[in-house]
Amino acid sequence: MNNTEISTENRYTDYDPWAWLYNQSEAHLAARRILPIIEKLLIPNITNGTKIFDLCCGTGQLSQELIARGYQVVGLDGSEQMLHYARQNAPKAELILDDARSFELPSNSFDAVICTDSALNHIMSLEELKQVFSNVYSVLQADGLFLFDLGLENRYSNIAVADGEMQKDYAWTVGETYNREEKVGTFTITMFKPDNEKQAQKSNLLTSSIQNLKRVIYNKFLRYIKPAALLKLIKRDWQSSTMKFSVKPHAKTDIQSALAEAGFTAIEIYDSQSKLAKPEEDQEAYFVARKPAVS
């Protein structure tokens, strides 16, 4: 299957600057976290070698894992830079540049559709999310499955630094805020990179050893217990840049209703352990819905 791109005026240019960092640091972790859930909730219910649509495929690591398992994969994303890395990570996938809310592909094209890593939380209204569901329903074959995850009503909070990473050539932190009245969350990602000229002037064996020790301590320990410590460990002459992204959590009942309105049936909700979610769980959820078989 060849790589293809379909250009569109509607695309997520705001996510282009994030693509390099996401590909470098987080995408492989996300794929590793999500793959066991797909293997439990989706793979047993579809035939090997069938066609899967990876909606909001990002940088392609999960698409590649599915290709390696024998599936045909078509990936769609609104960020041209995300697809730049996806072409490298999943060279046998067919890749499409388009918007999840408005893409048009032939009906009944796929045996399954996935949308992972909370990508649909970046759809900022329930009405637009309904349009995504309608698009997915159209491209699914009869009896096809739709698996996706979402952050729910209490997923987001106010944390100045929720996570981070420190490497030789870059570092980053992510913080989040949540407006409970508007029900809108904001992620702030700050990337730090060295001034190469200044680094060359100061570089010596001792400073390099100290920085290596700092990286080990932070990445293996402090990242999980005190992520804000990174701000004190990076060199003061490193340059910083900031990116912000808005997200919208949803109630499980709203998502169920929106799926049913699009035509889906057999809607099930699971937790991150692939177990049926308890009613009181309101952090995150994995949804599995089916397009009815032709009667």
C-alpha atoms as a PDB file:
ATOM      1  CA  MET A   1       0.000   0.000   0.000  1.00  0.00           C
ATOM      2  CA  ASN A   2       1.436   3.373  -0.991  1.00  0.00           C
ATOM      3  CA  ASN A   3       1.644   6.566   1.043  1.00  0.00           C
ATOM      4  CA  THR A   4      -0.801   9.202  -0.137  1.00  0.00           C
ATOM      5  CA  GLU A   5      -1.813  12.607   1.091  1.00  0.00           C
ATOM      6  CA  ILE A   6      -5.008  14.509   0.531  1.00  0.00           C
ATOM      7  CA  SER A   7      -4.641  18.207   1.283  1.00  0.00           C
ATOM      8  CA  THR A   8      -7.466  20.150   2.887  1.00  0.00           C
ATOM      9  CA  GLU A   9      -8.013  23.688   4.075  1.00  0.00           C
ATOM     10  CA  ASN A  10      -9.196  22.360   7.432  1.00  0.00           C
ATOM     11  CA  ARG A  11      -6.193  21.032   9.274  1.00  0.00           C
ATOM     12  CA  TYR A  12      -4.700  21.292  12.722  1.00  0.00           C
ATOM     13  CA  THR A  13      -1.735  23.568  12.064  1.00  0.00           C
ATOM     14  CA  ASP A  14      -1.526  24.314  15.803  1.00  0.00           C
ATOM     15  CA  TYR A  15      -0.252  20.774  16.354  1.00  0.00           C
ATOM     16  CA  ASP A  16       2.570  20.952  13.824  1.00  0.00           C
ATOM     17  CA  PRO A  17       5.125  22.434  16.294  1.00  0.00           C
ATOM     18  CA  TRP A  18       4.290  19.642  18.760  1.00  0.00           C
ATOM     19  CA  ALA A  19       4.877  16.829  16.269  1.00  0.00           C
ATOM     20  CA  TRP A  20       8.648  16.576  16.743  1.00  0.00           C
ATOM     21  CA  LEU A  21       8.404  16.392  20.519  1.00  0.00           C
ATOM     22  CA  TYR A  22       5.459  13.987  20.476  1.00  0.00           C
ATOM     23  CA  ASN A  23       7.295  11.658  18.098  1.00  0.00           C
ATOM     24  CA  GLN A  24      10.511  11.910  20.093  1.00  0.00           C
ATOM     25  CA  SER A  25       9.143  11.442  23.586  1.00  0.00           C
ATOM     26  CA  GLU A  26       5.545  10.356  24.002  1.00  0.00           C
ATOM     27  CA  ALA A  27       4.182   8.542  20.967  1.00  0.00           C
ATOM     28  CA  HIS A  28       5.959   5.239  21.560  1.00  0.00           C
ATOM     29  CA  LEU A  29       4.822   5.259  25.194  1.00  0.00           C
ATOM     30  CA  ALA A  30       1.244   5.899  24.116  1.00  0.00           C
ATOM     31  CA  ALA A  31       1.389   3.032  21.616  1.00  0.00           C
ATOM     32  CA  ARG A  32       2.811   0.712  24.261  1.00  0.00           C
ATOM     33  CA  ARG A  33       0.019   1.694  26.673  1.00  0.00           C
ATOM     34  CA  ILE A  34      -2.831   1.411  24.166  1.00  0.00           C
ATOM     35  CA  LEU A  35      -1.810  -1.713  22.246  1.00  0.00           C
ATOM     36  CA  PRO A  36      -2.723  -4.216  25.017  1.00  0.00           C
ATOM     37  CA  ILE A  37      -6.208  -2.681  25.157  1.00  0.00           C
ATOM     38  CA  ILE A  38      -6.629  -3.014  21.390  1.00  0.00           C
ATOM     39  CA  GLU A  39      -5.414  -6.610  21.610  1.00  0.00           C
ATOM     40  CA  LYS A  40      -8.075  -7.409  24.218  1.00  0.00           C
ATOM     41  CA  LEU A  41     -11.052  -5.386  23.019  1.00  0.00           C
ATOM     42  CA  LEU A  42     -10.664  -5.231  19.245  1.00  0.00           C
ATOM     43  CA  ILE A  43      -8.319  -7.837  17.740  1.00  0.00           C
ATOM     44  CA  PRO A  44     -10.295 -10.916  18.914  1.00  0.00           C
ATOM     45  CA  ASN A  45     -13.375  -9.529  17.130  1.00  0.00           C
ATOM     46  CA  ILE A  46     -11.885  -8.879  13.684  1.00  0.00           C
ATOM     47  CA  THR A  47     -10.230 -11.099  11.107  1.00  0.00           C
ATOM     48  CA  ASN A  48      -6.468 -11.007  10.654  1.00  0.00           C
ATOM     49  CA  GLY A  49      -5.414  -9.048   7.588  1.00  0.00           C
ATOM     50  CA  THR A  50      -8.522  -6.875   7.476  1.00  0.00           C
ATOM     51  CA  LYS A  51      -8.521  -3.107   7.060  1.00  0.00           C
ATOM     52  CA  ILE A  52      -8.246  -0.757  10.075  1.00  0.00           C
ATOM     53  CA  PHE A  53      -8.720   3.007   9.977  1.00  0.00           C
ATOM     54  CA  ASP A  54      -6.459   4.820  12.479  1.00  0.00           C
ATOM     55  CA  LEU A  55      -8.271   8.137  12.942  1.00  0.00           C
ATOM     56  CA  CYS A  56      -6.042  10.919  14.333  1.00  0.00           C
ATOM     57  CA  CYS A  57      -3.099   8.589  13.803  1.00  0.00           C
ATOM     58  CA  GLY A  58      -0.484  11.106  14.948  1.00  0.00           C
ATOM     59  CA  THR A  59       3.072  10.005  14.232  1.00  0.00           C
ATOM     60  CA  GLY A  60       2.143   6.458  13.243  1.00  0.00           C
ATOM     61  CA  GLN A  61       3.672   4.237  15.934  1.00  0.00           C
ATOM     62  CA  LEU A  62       0.391   2.471  16.675  1.00  0.00           C
ATOM     63  CA  SER A  63      -0.374   2.094  12.970  1.00  0.00           C
ATOM     64  CA  GLN A  64       2.962   0.348  12.539  1.00  0.00           C
ATOM     65  CA  GLU A  65       2.245  -2.044  15.409  1.00  0.00           C
ATOM     66  CA  LEU A  66      -0.991  -3.080  13.692  1.00  0.00           C
ATOM     67  CA  ILE A  67       0.739  -3.460  10.323  1.00  0.00           C
ATOM     68  CA  ALA A  68       3.335  -5.686  11.980  1.00  0.00           C
ATOM     69  CA  ARG A  69       0.456  -7.875  13.155  1.00  0.00           C
ATOM     70  CA  GLY A  70      -0.767  -8.341   9.612  1.00  0.00           C
ATOM     71  CA  TYR A  71      -3.443  -5.662   9.273  1.00  0.00           C
ATOM     72  CA  GLN A  72      -3.883  -3.132   6.496  1.00  0.00           C
ATOM     73  CA  VAL A  73      -3.909   0.363   7.982  1.00  0.00           C
ATOM     74  CA  VAL A  74      -5.083   3.712   6.697  1.00  0.00           C
ATOM     75  CA  GLY A  75      -4.168   6.633   8.957  1.00  0.00           C
ATOM     76  CA  LEU A  76      -5.683  10.112   8.958  1.00  0.00           C
ATOM     77  CA  ASP A  77      -4.468  13.175  10.797  1.00  0.00           C
ATOM     78  CA  GLY A  78      -4.983  16.925  10.498  1.00  0.00           C
ATOM     79  CA  SER A  79      -1.339  17.786  11.185  1.00  0.00           C
ATOM     80  CA  GLU A  80       1.031  17.666   8.227  1.00  0.00           C
ATOM     81  CA  GLN A  81       4.017  17.422  10.547  1.00  0.00           C
ATOM     82  CA  MET A  82       2.510  14.485  12.443  1.00  0.00           C
ATOM     83  CA  LEU A  83       2.155  12.708   9.103  1.00  0.00           C
ATOM     84  CA  HIS A  84       5.754  13.599   8.226  1.00  0.00           C
ATOM     85  CA  TYR A  85       6.869  11.329  11.069  1.00  0.00           C
ATOM     86  CA  ALA A  86       4.119   8.785  10.421  1.00  0.00           C
ATOM     87  CA  ARG A  87       5.530   8.219   6.928  1.00  0.00           C
ATOM     88  CA  GLN A  88       8.829   7.279   8.544  1.00  0.00           C
ATOM     89  CA  ASN A  89       7.359   5.184  11.358  1.00  0.00           C
ATOM     90  CA  ALA A  90       4.711   3.359   9.316  1.00  0.00           C
ATOM     91  CA  PRO A  91       5.946   3.354   5.695  1.00  0.00           C
ATOM     92  CA  LYS A  92       3.402   0.741   4.585  1.00  0.00           C
ATOM     93  CA  ALA A  93       0.393   2.662   5.890  1.00  0.00           C
ATOM     94  CA  GLU A  94      -1.745   4.784   3.614  1.00  0.00           C
ATOM     95  CA  LEU A  95      -1.758   8.265   5.143  1.00  0.00           C
ATOM     96  CA  ILE A  96      -4.334  11.002   4.633  1.00  0.00           C
ATOM     97  CA  LEU A  97      -4.114  14.672   5.601  1.00  0.00           C
ATOM     98  CA  ASP A  98      -7.636  15.691   6.551  1.00  0.00           C
ATOM     99  CA  ASP A  99      -9.941  16.745   9.376  1.00  0.00           C
ATOM    100  CA  ALA A 100     -11.703  14.175  11.576  1.00  0.00           C
ATOM    101  CA  ARG A 101     -14.835  16.327  11.550  1.00  0.00           C
ATOM    102  CA  SER A 102     -15.182  16.627   7.793  1.00  0.00           C
ATOM    103  CA  PHE A 103     -13.271  13.870   5.977  1.00  0.00           C
ATOM    104  CA  GLU A 104     -14.985  12.030   3.152  1.00  0.00           C
ATOM    105  CA  LEU A 105     -13.938   8.487   2.266  1.00  0.00           C
ATOM    106  CA  PRO A 106     -15.812   5.691   0.488  1.00  0.00           C
ATOM    107  CA  SER A 107     -18.571   4.143   2.602  1.00  0.00           C
ATOM    108  CA  ASN A 108     -18.140   0.695   4.113  1.00  0.00           C
ATOM    109  CA  SER A 109     -14.356   0.761   3.660  1.00  0.00           C
ATOM    110  CA  PHE A 110     -13.076  -0.534   7.006  1.00  0.00           C
ATOM    111  CA  ASP A 111     -13.593  -3.485   9.315  1.00  0.00           C
ATOM    112  CA  ALA A 112     -12.594  -1.389  12.333  1.00  0.00           C
ATOM    113  CA  VAL A 113     -11.834   2.203  13.284  1.00  0.00           C
ATOM    114  CA  ILE A 114      -9.641   3.279  16.203  1.00  0.00           C
ATOM    115  CA  CYS A 115      -8.991   6.723  17.661  1.00  0.00           C
ATOM    116  CA  THR A 116      -6.627   6.741  20.621  1.00  0.00           C
ATOM    117  CA  ASP A 117      -4.523   8.770  23.057  1.00  0.00           C
ATOM    118  CA  SER A 118      -7.473  11.063  23.930  1.00  0.00           C
ATOM    119  CA  ALA A 119      -7.366  12.581  20.443  1.00  0.00           C
ATOM    120  CA  LEU A 120     -11.113  13.237  20.448  1.00  0.00           C
ATOM    121  CA  ASN A 121     -10.806  15.423  23.534  1.00  0.00           C
ATOM    122  CA  HIS A 122      -9.361  18.007  21.165  1.00  0.00           C
ATOM    123  CA  ILE A 123     -12.782  18.237  19.489  1.00  0.00           C
ATOM    124  CA  MET A 124     -14.184  21.198  21.400  1.00  0.00           C
ATOM    125  CA  SER A 125     -17.945  20.680  21.106  1.00  0.00           C
ATOM    126  CA  LEU A 126     -20.345  17.765  21.380  1.00  0.00           C
ATOM    127  CA  GLU A 127     -21.908  18.712  18.057  1.00  0.00           C
ATOM    128  CA  GLU A 128     -18.563  18.415  16.270  1.00  0.00           C
ATOM    129  CA  LEU A 129     -17.910  15.134  18.050  1.00  0.00           C
ATOM    130  CA  LYS A 130     -21.238  13.858  16.722  1.00  0.00           C
ATOM    131  CA  GLN A 131     -20.027  14.719  13.224  1.00  0.00           C
ATOM    132  CA  VAL A 132     -16.886  12.646  13.820  1.00  0.00           C
ATOM    133  CA  PHE A 133     -19.046   9.711  14.923  1.00  0.00           C
ATOM    134  CA  SER A 134     -21.227  10.095  11.823  1.00  0.00           C
ATOM    135  CA  ASN A 135     -18.134  10.065   9.587  1.00  0.00           C
ATOM    136  CA  VAL A 136     -16.799   6.960  11.308  1.00  0.00           C
ATOM    137  CA  TYR A 137     -20.162   5.204  10.995  1.00  0.00           C
ATOM    138  CA  SER A 138     -20.172   5.894   7.257  1.00  0.00           C
ATOM    139  CA  VAL A 139     -16.747   4.382   6.560  1.00  0.00           C
ATOM    140  CA  LEU A 140     -17.290   1.280   8.696  1.00  0.00           C
ATOM    141  CA  GLN A 141     -18.530  -1.920   7.129  1.00  0.00           C
ATOM    142  CA  ALA A 142     -21.664  -3.490   8.565  1.00  0.00           C
ATOM    143  CA  ASP A 143     -20.838  -5.221  11.861  1.00  0.00           C
ATOM    144  CA  GLY A 144     -17.628  -3.140  12.078  1.00  0.00           C
ATOM    145  CA  LEU A 145     -16.214  -1.917  15.383  1.00  0.00           C
ATOM    146  CA  PHE A 146     -15.224   1.543  16.588  1.00  0.00           C
ATOM    147  CA  LEU A 147     -12.790   1.739  19.524  1.00  0.00           C
ATOM    148  CA  PHE A 148     -11.695   5.056  21.029  1.00  0.00           C
ATOM    149  CA  ASP A 149     -10.735   6.590  24.349  1.00  0.00           C
ATOM    150  CA  LEU A 150     -11.722   9.866  25.976  1.00  0.00           C
ATOM    151  CA  GLY A 151     -10.895  11.883  29.047  1.00  0.00           C
ATOM    152  CA  LEU A 152     -14.076  12.265  31.119  1.00  0.00           C
ATOM    153  CA  GLU A 153     -15.447  14.980  33.379  1.00  0.00           C
ATOM    154  CA  ASN A 154     -12.851  14.662  36.141  1.00  0.00           C
ATOM    155  CA  ARG A 155      -9.810  13.841  34.009  1.00  0.00           C
ATOM    156  CA  TYR A 156      -8.384  17.375  34.043  1.00  0.00           C
ATOM    157  CA  SER A 157      -7.225  19.530  36.927  1.00  0.00           C
ATOM    158  CA  ASN A 158      -4.854  22.373  37.818  1.00  0.00           C
ATOM    159  CA  ILE A 159      -1.239  21.210  38.009  1.00  0.00           C
ATOM    160  CA  ALA A 160       1.630  23.562  37.220  1.00  0.00           C
ATOM    161  CA  VAL A 161       3.940  20.720  36.121  1.00  0.00           C
ATOM    162  CA  ALA A 162       2.311  17.336  35.656  1.00  0.00           C
ATOM    163  CA  ASP A 163       5.122  15.606  33.765  1.00  0.00           C
ATOM    164  CA  GLY A 164       8.452  16.237  32.089  1.00  0.00           C
ATOM    165  CA  GLU A 165      11.556  14.740  30.578  1.00  0.00           C
ATOM    166  CA  MET A 166      15.223  15.707  30.496  1.00  0.00           C
ATOM    167  CA  GLN A 167      17.526  14.669  27.663  1.00  0.00           C
ATOM    168  CA  LYS A 168      20.920  15.820  26.468  1.00  0.00           C
ATOM    169  CA  ASP A 169      19.604  18.006  23.646  1.00  0.00           C
ATOM    170  CA  TYR A 170      16.187  18.979  24.965  1.00  0.00           C
ATOM    171  CA  ALA A 171      13.848  18.944  27.931  1.00  0.00           C
ATOM    172  CA  TRP A 172      10.157  19.580  28.371  1.00  0.00           C
ATOM    173  CA  THR A 173       7.417  20.000  30.924  1.00  0.00           C
ATOM    174  CA  VAL A 174       3.648  19.867  30.642  1.00  0.00           C
ATOM    175  CA  GLY A 175       1.192  21.546  32.962  1.00  0.00           C
ATOM    176  CA  GLU A 176      -2.568  21.637  32.884  1.00  0.00           C
ATOM    177  CA  THR A 177      -5.372  23.940  33.969  1.00  0.00           C
ATOM    178  CA  TYR A 178      -9.106  23.311  34.022  1.00  0.00           C
ATOM    179  CA  ASN A 179     -11.972  25.785  33.958  1.00  0.00           C
ATOM    180  CA  ARG A 180     -14.855  23.938  35.632  1.00  0.00           C
ATOM    181  CA  GLU A 181     -17.455  26.500  34.625  1.00  0.00           C
ATOM    182  CA  GLU A 182     -16.617  26.329  30.924  1.00  0.00           C
ATOM    183  CA  LYS A 183     -15.499  22.683  31.155  1.00  0.00           C
ATOM    184  CA  VAL A 184     -12.369  23.391  29.153  1.00  0.00           C
ATOM    185  CA  GLY A 185      -8.874  22.164  29.945  1.00  0.00           C
ATOM    186  CA  THR A 186      -5.607  23.636  28.712  1.00  0.00           C
ATOM    187  CA  PHE A 187      -2.285  21.859  28.392  1.00  0.00           C
ATOM    188  CA  THR A 188       0.831  24.034  28.402  1.00  0.00           C
ATOM    189  CA  ILE A 189       3.936  22.358  27.015  1.00  0.00           C
ATOM    190  CA  THR A 190       7.250  24.125  27.545  1.00  0.00           C
ATOM    191  CA  MET A 191      10.227  22.900  25.557  1.00  0.00           C
ATOM    192  CA  PHE A 192      13.799  23.731  26.519  1.00  0.00           C
ATOM    193  CA  LYS A 193      16.724  23.552  24.107  1.00  0.00           C
ATOM    194  CA  PRO A 194      20.357  24.558  24.607  1.00  0.00           C
ATOM    195  CA  ASP A 195      22.051  27.474  22.916  1.00  0.00           C
ATOM    196  CA  ASN A 196      24.559  25.393  20.955  1.00  0.00           C
ATOM    197  CA  GLU A 197      27.180  28.145  20.788  1.00  0.00           C
ATOM    198  CA  LYS A 198      27.122  28.742  24.530  1.00  0.00           C
ATOM    199  CA  GLN A 199      27.088  25.014  25.203  1.00  0.00           C
ATOM    200  CA  ALA A 200      30.203  24.525  23.086  1.00  0.00           C
ATOM    201  CA  GLN A 201      32.030  27.237  25.048  1.00  0.00           C
ATOM    202  CA  LYS A 202      31.130  25.726  28.416  1.00  0.00           C
ATOM    203  CA  SER A 203      31.381  22.058  27.553  1.00  0.00           C
ATOM    204  CA  ASN A 204      33.840  19.961  29.540  1.00  0.00           C
ATOM    205  CA  LEU A 205      33.959  16.485  31.030  1.00  0.00           C
ATOM    206  CA  LEU A 206      32.862  17.576  34.519  1.00  0.00           C
ATOM    207  CA  THR A 207      29.815  19.557  33.406  1.00  0.00           C
ATOM    208  CA  SER A 208      28.797  16.763  31.028  1.00  0.00           C
ATOM    209  CA  SER A 209      29.025  14.207  33.837  1.00  0.00           C
ATOM    210  CA  ILE A 210      26.959  16.395  36.140  1.00  0.00           C
ATOM    211  CA  GLN A 211      24.283  16.847  33.491  1.00  0.00           C
ATOM    212  CA  ASN A 212      24.205  13.110  32.816  1.00  0.00           C
ATOM    213  CA  LEU A 213      23.678  12.459  36.515  1.00  0.00           C
ATOM    214  CA  LYS A 214      20.894  15.035  36.658  1.00  0.00           C
ATOM    215  CA  ARG A 215      19.145  13.391  33.711  1.00  0.00           C
ATOM    216  CA  VAL A 216      19.288   9.943  35.288  1.00  0.00           C
ATOM    217  CA  ILE A 217      17.982  11.195  38.636  1.00  0.00           C
ATOM    218  CA  TYR A 218      15.162  13.143  37.055  1.00  0.00           C
ATOM    219  CA  ASN A 219      13.992  10.664  34.410  1.00  0.00           C
ATOM    220  CA  LYS A 220      14.096   7.622  36.679  1.00  0.00           C
ATOM    221  CA  PHE A 221      12.901   9.118  39.948  1.00  0.00           C
ATOM    222  CA  LEU A 222      11.909  12.778  40.190  1.00  0.00           C
ATOM    223  CA  ARG A 223       9.722  12.684  37.069  1.00  0.00           C
ATOM    224  CA  TYR A 224       7.280  10.445  38.924  1.00  0.00           C
ATOM    225  CA  ILE A 225       7.314  12.055  42.357  1.00  0.00           C
ATOM    226  CA  LYS A 226       8.233  15.715  41.782  1.00  0.00           C
ATOM    227  CA  PRO A 227       8.127  16.568  38.062  1.00  0.00           C
ATOM    228  CA  ALA A 228       8.515  20.315  38.688  1.00  0.00           C
ATOM    229  CA  ALA A 229      12.083  19.647  39.866  1.00  0.00           C
ATOM    230  CA  LEU A 230      13.133  19.711  36.222  1.00  0.00           C
ATOM    231  CA  LEU A 231      12.853  23.488  36.203  1.00  0.00           C
ATOM    232  CA  LYS A 232      15.710  23.669  38.716  1.00  0.00           C
ATOM    233  CA  LEU A 233      17.866  21.093  36.967  1.00  0.00           C
ATOM    234  CA  ILE A 234      18.068  22.445  33.432  1.00  0.00           C
ATOM    235  CA  LYS A 235      20.796  24.927  32.603  1.00  0.00           C
ATOM    236  CA  ARG A 236      19.844  28.579  32.920  1.00  0.00           C
ATOM    237  CA  ASP A 237      21.013  29.468  29.427  1.00  0.00           C
ATOM    238  CA  TRP A 238      18.675  26.973  27.758  1.00  0.00           C
ATOM    239  CA  GLN A 239      16.052  28.632  25.591  1.00  0.00           C
ATOM    240  CA  SER A 240      12.362  27.886  26.106  1.00  0.00           C
ATOM    241  CA  SER A 241       9.275  27.914  23.904  1.00  0.00           C
ATOM    242  CA  THR A 242       5.662  27.271  24.856  1.00  0.00           C
ATOM    243  CA  MET A 243       2.723  25.557  23.174  1.00  0.00           C
ATOM    244  CA  LYS A 244      -0.867  25.482  24.436  1.00  0.00           C
ATOM    245  CA  PHE A 245      -3.667  23.058  23.550  1.00  0.00           C
ATOM    246  CA  SER A 246      -7.287  23.098  24.618  1.00  0.00           C
ATOM    247  CA  VAL A 247      -9.253  19.958  25.471  1.00  0.00           C
ATOM    248  CA  LYS A 248     -12.874  19.201  26.258  1.00  0.00           C
ATOM    249  CA  PRO A 249     -13.925  16.403  28.633  1.00  0.00           C
ATOM    250  CA  HIS A 250     -17.282  14.709  28.233  1.00  0.00           C
ATOM    251  CA  ALA A 251     -19.766  12.744  30.314  1.00  0.00           C
ATOM    252  CA  LYS A 252     -20.121   9.048  29.528  1.00  0.00           C
ATOM    253  CA  THR A 253     -23.863   9.446  29.077  1.00  0.00           C
ATOM    254  CA  ASP A 254     -23.348  12.199  26.480  1.00  0.00           C
ATOM    255  CA  ILE A 255     -20.955  10.009  24.510  1.00  0.00           C
ATOM    256  CA  GLN A 256     -23.316   7.044  24.634  1.00  0.00           C
ATOM    257  CA  SER A 257     -26.178   9.197  23.359  1.00  0.00           C
ATOM    258  CA  ALA A 258     -24.035  10.696  20.580  1.00  0.00           C
ATOM    259  CA  LEU A 259     -22.941   7.232  19.429  1.00  0.00           C
ATOM    260  CA  ALA A 260     -26.515   5.974  19.431  1.00  0.00           C
ATOM    261  CA  GLU A 261     -27.624   9.038  17.462  1.00  0.00           C
ATOM    262  CA  ALA A 262     -25.012   8.215  14.814  1.00  0.00           C
ATOM    263  CA  GLY A 263     -26.449   4.690  14.549  1.00  0.00           C
ATOM    264  CA  PHE A 264     -24.054   2.640  16.694  1.00  0.00           C
ATOM    265  CA  THR A 265     -25.288  -0.193  18.882  1.00  0.00           C
ATOM    266  CA  ALA A 266     -23.774  -2.587  21.452  1.00  0.00           C
ATOM    267  CA  ILE A 267     -21.969   0.327  23.125  1.00  0.00           C
ATOM    268  CA  GLU A 268     -19.646  -0.810  25.910  1.00  0.00           C
ATOM    269  CA  ILE A 269     -17.415   1.261  28.196  1.00  0.00           C
ATOM    270  CA  TYR A 270     -14.133  -0.070  29.612  1.00  0.00           C
ATOM    271  CA  ASP A 271     -11.407   1.133  31.944  1.00  0.00           C
ATOM    272  CA  SER A 272      -7.679   1.223  31.235  1.00  0.00           C
ATOM    273  CA  GLN A 273      -7.402  -2.427  32.313  1.00  0.00           C
ATOM    274  CA  SER A 274      -9.899  -3.485  29.615  1.00  0.00           C
ATOM    275  CA  LYS A 275     -12.518  -4.246  32.256  1.00  0.00           C
ATOM    276  CA  LEU A 276     -16.072  -2.967  32.097  1.00  0.00           C
ATOM    277  CA  ALA A 277     -16.014   0.485  33.677  1.00  0.00           C
ATOM    278  CA  LYS A 278     -17.813   1.077  36.954  1.00  0.00           C
ATOM    279  CA  PRO A 279     -20.538   3.751  36.912  1.00  0.00           C
ATOM    280  CA  GLU A 280     -18.615   6.015  39.287  1.00  0.00           C
ATOM    281  CA  GLU A 281     -15.429   6.069  37.195  1.00  0.00           C
ATOM    282  CA  ASP A 282     -15.106   9.534  35.657  1.00  0.00           C
ATOM    283  CA  GLN A 283     -11.419   9.972  34.741  1.00  0.00           C
ATOM    284  CA  GLU A 284     -11.050   8.211  31.407  1.00  0.00           C
ATOM    285  CA  ALA A 285     -12.799   5.506  29.432  1.00  0.00           C
ATOM    286  CA  TYR A 286     -12.457   3.289  26.371  1.00  0.00           C
ATOM    287  CA  PHE A 287     -15.577   2.992  24.257  1.00  0.00           C
ATOM    288  CA  VAL A 288     -16.366   0.131  21.898  1.00  0.00           C
ATOM    289  CA  ALA A 289     -19.362   0.507  19.592  1.00  0.00           C
ATOM    290  CA  ARG A 290     -20.625  -1.573  16.684  1.00  0.00           C
ATOM    291  CA  LYS A 291     -22.215  -0.631  13.379  1.00  0.00           C
ATOM    292  CA  PRO A 292     -25.211  -2.965  13.080  1.00  0.00           C
ATOM    293  CA  ALA A 293     -24.995  -5.899  10.705  1.00  0.00           C
ATOM    294  CA  VAL A 294     -27.142  -5.755   7.614  1.00  0.00           C
ATOM    295  CA  SER A 295     -30.404  -7.546   8.388  1.00  0.00           C
END
